[in-house]
Protein backbone atom coordinates (compact mmCIF):
# COMPACT_ATOMS: atom_id res chain seq x y z
CA UNK A 1 -11.33 3.75 17.33
CA UNK A 2 -11.43 -0.01 17.60
CA UNK A 3 -8.73 -2.17 16.03
CA UNK A 4 -11.31 -3.99 13.93
CA UNK A 5 -11.76 -0.84 11.83
CA UNK A 6 -8.20 -1.10 10.49
CA UNK A 7 -7.09 -3.51 7.80
CA UNK A 8 -3.53 -4.62 6.95
CA UNK A 9 -2.78 -4.14 3.25
CA UNK A 10 0.24 -4.92 1.06
CA UNK A 11 1.59 -2.32 -1.37
CA UNK A 12 2.89 -3.47 -4.75
CA UNK A 13 5.14 -1.43 -7.05
CA UNK A 14 3.50 -0.60 -10.39
CA UNK A 15 6.86 -0.65 -12.23
CA UNK A 16 8.55 -3.89 -11.13
CA UNK A 17 5.53 -5.63 -9.49
CA UNK A 18 7.44 -6.40 -6.26
CA UNK A 19 5.50 -6.29 -3.01
CA UNK A 20 7.67 -4.01 -0.92
CA UNK A 21 5.57 -2.52 1.88
CA UNK A 22 2.74 -3.30 4.29
CA UNK A 23 0.55 -0.68 5.95
CA UNK A 24 -2.84 -0.30 7.58
CA UNK A 25 -5.90 1.60 6.45
CA UNK A 26 -9.27 2.45 7.92
CA UNK A 27 -11.96 0.48 6.06
CA UNK A 28 -14.77 2.86 6.98
CA UNK A 29 -13.06 6.20 6.29
CA UNK A 30 -11.17 5.09 3.18
CA UNK A 31 -13.13 2.40 1.28
CA UNK A 32 -11.07 2.88 -1.91
CA UNK A 33 -7.75 1.16 -2.59
CA UNK A 34 -4.64 2.93 -1.32
CA UNK A 35 -2.11 4.45 -3.76
CA UNK A 36 1.12 5.94 -2.42
CA UNK A 37 4.41 7.11 -3.90
CA UNK A 38 7.07 5.08 -2.09
CA UNK A 39 10.72 4.27 -2.65
CA UNK A 40 11.25 1.02 -4.56
CA UNK A 41 14.59 -0.58 -3.61
CA UNK A 42 14.58 -2.68 -6.78
CA UNK A 43 14.18 0.32 -9.12
CA UNK A 44 16.09 2.66 -6.77
CA UNK A 45 13.58 5.48 -7.21
CA UNK A 46 10.17 6.64 -6.01
CA UNK A 47 7.31 4.91 -7.82
CA UNK A 48 3.58 4.51 -7.38
CA UNK A 49 2.61 1.62 -5.09
CA UNK A 50 -0.94 0.26 -5.15
CA UNK A 51 -2.80 -1.87 -2.66
CA UNK A 52 -3.00 -5.62 -3.32
CA UNK A 53 -4.48 -8.54 -1.40
């Protein structure tokens, strides 16, 4: 797999709207936006984080 297939994305908390995490995703295998349950340090609990630009 070439590096050009992967894209760096920023994850934003849906509760407090802070941008807490960055990750990579494969543009060809996963064309939809990423949604992950991650720990939000501001809220001190696990919340849904969605991909932003």
